[in-house]
């Protein structure tokens, strides 16, 4: 009986050290060597300052910039409260929110078409989605060009430069990372 207890305690200690300390340190070390940017959160540095992560959306309130997809994570893009609203298609609260957002966008941006891309009005499953659809970005390009007094061709060229294709060539849809696009736009506005 005592031998079984001692064996259990020794195995618990050995496995704790092996799986709880050595393995995580080894994986962290390998990640830092092989994929340092991804291991450190895919951070975006602009003018020497970390301004965000390529993986987490941000709120852009100014009409001068492209807007991210709406967020249901806490007070908006709050990584500590990641998650969807779980409102179904027949939910009155969801219908009211989408109707309100659509009407607000059409008042704010009269040049937008009457049919808006779905990701302009709906939140993602995590509420932290950093990307928007190409249709969303192209539609917003009209507003961004007008607001910044830029030719539409210049802004659409910026959007086209930031289009990311399907993962592995067939997974998902083409998309645009809003933070990277806005940083490129900001650089263009500073240095035309």
Protein backbone atom coordinates (compact mmCIF):
# COMPACT_ATOMS: atom_id res chain seq x y z
CA UNK A 1 0.00 0.00 0.00
CA UNK A 2 2.79 2.44 0.95
CA UNK A 3 4.67 1.61 -2.27
CA UNK A 4 1.58 2.57 -4.33
CA UNK A 5 1.23 5.91 -2.50
CA UNK A 6 4.92 6.75 -2.97
CA UNK A 7 4.74 5.79 -6.66
CA UNK A 8 1.65 7.99 -7.09
CA UNK A 9 3.33 10.98 -5.45
CA UNK A 10 6.55 10.55 -7.47
CA UNK A 11 4.59 10.21 -10.73
CA UNK A 12 2.53 13.30 -9.91
CA UNK A 13 5.70 15.33 -9.28
CA UNK A 14 7.45 13.96 -12.40
CA UNK A 15 4.43 14.61 -14.66
CA UNK A 16 3.87 18.06 -13.15
CA UNK A 17 7.45 19.06 -13.87
CA UNK A 18 7.46 17.42 -17.30
CA UNK A 19 4.04 18.55 -18.58
CA UNK A 20 3.60 21.68 -16.49
CA UNK A 21 7.06 23.23 -16.76
CA UNK A 22 9.43 21.58 -19.27
CA UNK A 23 6.92 21.09 -22.12
CA UNK A 24 5.48 24.67 -21.99
CA UNK A 25 9.00 26.17 -21.81
CA UNK A 26 10.15 24.02 -24.74
CA UNK A 27 7.12 25.00 -26.85
CA UNK A 28 7.58 28.69 -25.97
CA UNK A 29 11.27 28.49 -26.90
CA UNK A 30 10.56 26.77 -30.22
CA UNK A 31 7.80 29.29 -31.02
CA UNK A 32 10.13 32.21 -30.25
CA UNK A 33 12.79 30.74 -32.57
CA UNK A 34 10.57 29.62 -35.44
CA UNK A 35 7.62 32.06 -35.34
CA UNK A 36 8.67 35.03 -33.16
CA UNK A 37 6.13 37.52 -34.57
CA UNK A 38 3.18 35.15 -34.09
CA UNK A 39 4.41 33.96 -30.69
CA UNK A 40 4.43 37.54 -29.48
CA UNK A 41 0.86 38.28 -30.58
CA UNK A 42 1.32 39.49 -34.18
CA UNK A 43 1.79 43.03 -32.89
CA UNK A 44 1.72 45.95 -35.30
CA UNK A 45 4.28 48.69 -34.69
CA UNK A 46 3.72 52.15 -36.19
CA UNK A 47 6.16 55.02 -35.72
CA UNK A 48 8.00 52.98 -33.08
CA UNK A 49 4.90 52.30 -30.96
CA UNK A 50 2.82 49.14 -30.62
CA UNK A 51 -0.65 50.15 -31.80
CA UNK A 52 -2.42 46.81 -31.75
CA UNK A 53 -2.44 43.24 -32.91
CA UNK A 54 -3.14 41.96 -36.39
CA UNK A 55 -5.38 39.37 -34.73
CA UNK A 56 -7.74 41.61 -32.72
CA UNK A 57 -10.05 44.25 -34.17
CA UNK A 58 -10.18 47.83 -32.94
CA UNK A 59 -12.75 50.58 -32.89
CA UNK A 60 -12.23 53.40 -35.39
CA UNK A 61 -14.72 56.19 -34.76
CA UNK A 62 -13.52 58.78 -37.27
CA UNK A 63 -14.97 58.93 -40.77
CA UNK A 64 -11.40 59.41 -41.99
CA UNK A 65 -10.66 55.75 -41.36
CA UNK A 66 -12.14 52.42 -42.36
CA UNK A 67 -14.47 51.00 -39.74
CA UNK A 68 -14.12 47.55 -38.30
CA UNK A 69 -16.90 45.03 -38.10
CA UNK A 70 -19.27 45.68 -35.16
CA UNK A 71 -18.20 43.97 -31.95
CA UNK A 72 -20.29 42.24 -29.30
CA UNK A 73 -17.28 41.66 -27.03
CA UNK A 74 -17.87 43.65 -23.86
CA UNK A 75 -17.80 47.35 -24.62
CA UNK A 76 -16.34 46.56 -28.05
CA UNK A 77 -13.21 44.60 -28.97
CA UNK A 78 -12.68 43.69 -25.32
CA UNK A 79 -10.56 40.52 -25.42
CA UNK A 80 -11.51 39.73 -21.80
CA UNK A 81 -15.18 39.49 -22.86
CA UNK A 82 -14.81 37.74 -26.19
CA UNK A 83 -17.95 36.12 -27.48
CA UNK A 84 -21.06 36.52 -29.55
CA UNK A 85 -24.44 37.79 -28.47
CA UNK A 86 -26.19 34.45 -29.15
CA UNK A 87 -29.15 36.36 -30.56
CA UNK A 88 -30.98 34.35 -33.20
CA UNK A 89 -32.36 35.62 -36.54
CA UNK A 90 -35.84 36.04 -35.04
CA UNK A 91 -34.61 38.03 -32.02
CA UNK A 92 -36.27 41.44 -31.81
CA UNK A 93 -33.20 42.87 -30.07
CA UNK A 94 -30.97 41.75 -32.96
CA UNK A 95 -33.38 43.04 -35.61
CA UNK A 96 -33.67 46.40 -33.81
CA UNK A 97 -29.88 46.74 -33.47
CA UNK A 98 -29.22 45.90 -37.10
CA UNK A 99 -31.99 48.24 -38.29
CA UNK A 100 -30.63 51.05 -36.12
CA UNK A 101 -27.06 50.46 -37.31
CA UNK A 102 -28.15 50.32 -40.96
CA UNK A 103 -30.12 53.56 -40.67
CA UNK A 104 -27.23 55.28 -38.85
CA UNK A 105 -24.71 54.19 -41.47
CA UNK A 106 -26.92 55.35 -44.33
CA UNK A 107 -27.37 58.78 -42.69
CA UNK A 108 -23.69 59.11 -41.92
CA UNK A 109 -22.60 57.85 -45.33
CA UNK A 110 -25.19 58.85 -47.95
CA UNK A 111 -23.00 57.47 -50.75
CA UNK A 112 -23.33 53.92 -49.42
CA UNK A 113 -25.52 51.61 -51.43
CA UNK A 114 -28.89 50.59 -50.02
CA UNK A 115 -27.72 46.98 -49.73
CA UNK A 116 -24.87 46.79 -47.24
CA UNK A 117 -22.48 43.83 -46.89
CA UNK A 118 -23.53 41.55 -44.02
CA UNK A 119 -20.28 42.08 -42.11
CA UNK A 120 -20.97 45.82 -41.99
CA UNK A 121 -23.93 45.14 -39.70
CA UNK A 122 -23.34 41.79 -38.02
CA UNK A 123 -20.86 40.89 -35.30
CA UNK A 124 -18.45 37.99 -35.54
CA UNK A 125 -18.54 34.92 -33.32
CA UNK A 126 -15.69 36.18 -31.14
CA UNK A 127 -16.51 39.87 -31.33
CA UNK A 128 -12.80 40.47 -32.01
CA UNK A 129 -12.64 39.97 -35.79
CA UNK A 130 -9.88 42.21 -37.23
CA UNK A 131 -10.96 41.74 -40.84
CA UNK A 132 -13.78 42.96 -43.06
CA UNK A 133 -14.93 41.68 -46.41
CA UNK A 134 -13.58 43.16 -49.63
CA UNK A 135 -17.09 44.41 -50.47
CA UNK A 136 -17.27 46.20 -47.11
CA UNK A 137 -13.85 47.82 -47.63
CA UNK A 138 -14.66 48.88 -51.18
CA UNK A 139 -17.94 50.41 -50.05
CA UNK A 140 -16.22 52.31 -47.26
CA UNK A 141 -13.52 53.48 -49.69
CA UNK A 142 -16.02 55.99 -51.13
CA UNK A 143 -16.52 57.60 -47.73
CA UNK A 144 -12.85 57.51 -46.75
CA UNK A 145 -11.87 59.11 -50.08
CA UNK A 146 -14.45 61.91 -49.67
CA UNK A 147 -13.60 62.58 -46.03
CA UNK A 148 -9.85 62.74 -46.66
CA UNK A 149 -10.12 64.63 -49.98
CA UNK A 150 -8.37 61.80 -51.78
CA UNK A 151 -9.12 60.40 -55.23
CA UNK A 152 -11.26 57.26 -55.01
CA UNK A 153 -8.71 55.43 -57.17
CA UNK A 154 -6.01 56.07 -54.55
CA UNK A 155 -8.12 54.68 -51.72
CA UNK A 156 -9.31 51.64 -53.68
CA UNK A 157 -5.66 50.93 -54.59
CA UNK A 158 -4.84 50.91 -50.86
CA UNK A 159 -7.70 48.47 -50.27
CA UNK A 160 -6.58 46.21 -53.11
CA UNK A 161 -3.04 46.20 -51.71
CA UNK A 162 -4.38 44.83 -48.40
CA UNK A 163 -6.66 42.09 -49.73
CA UNK A 164 -5.70 38.75 -48.21
CA UNK A 165 -6.76 35.68 -50.17
CA UNK A 166 -8.38 32.52 -48.92
CA UNK A 167 -6.35 30.51 -46.42
CA UNK A 168 -4.58 27.61 -48.17
CA UNK A 169 -6.27 28.82 -51.36
CA UNK A 170 -9.74 27.47 -50.50
CA UNK A 171 -10.65 28.20 -46.85
CA UNK A 172 -12.71 31.27 -45.97
CA UNK A 173 -13.24 34.37 -48.07
CA UNK A 174 -10.89 37.11 -49.23
CA UNK A 175 -10.62 39.80 -46.54
CA UNK A 176 -8.97 43.05 -45.50
CA UNK A 177 -7.29 43.67 -42.14
CA UNK A 178 -8.70 47.03 -40.99
CA UNK A 179 -5.84 48.04 -38.70
CA UNK A 180 -3.18 47.42 -41.35
CA UNK A 181 -5.26 49.24 -43.97
CA UNK A 182 -5.80 52.23 -41.68
CA UNK A 183 -2.10 52.43 -40.83
CA UNK A 184 -1.26 52.43 -44.54
CA UNK A 185 -3.91 55.13 -45.09
CA UNK A 186 -2.44 57.20 -42.25
CA UNK A 187 1.05 56.90 -43.78
CA UNK A 188 -0.38 57.95 -47.14
CA UNK A 189 -2.07 61.00 -45.58
CA UNK A 190 1.19 62.02 -43.83
CA UNK A 191 3.36 61.43 -46.93
CA UNK A 192 1.21 61.73 -50.07
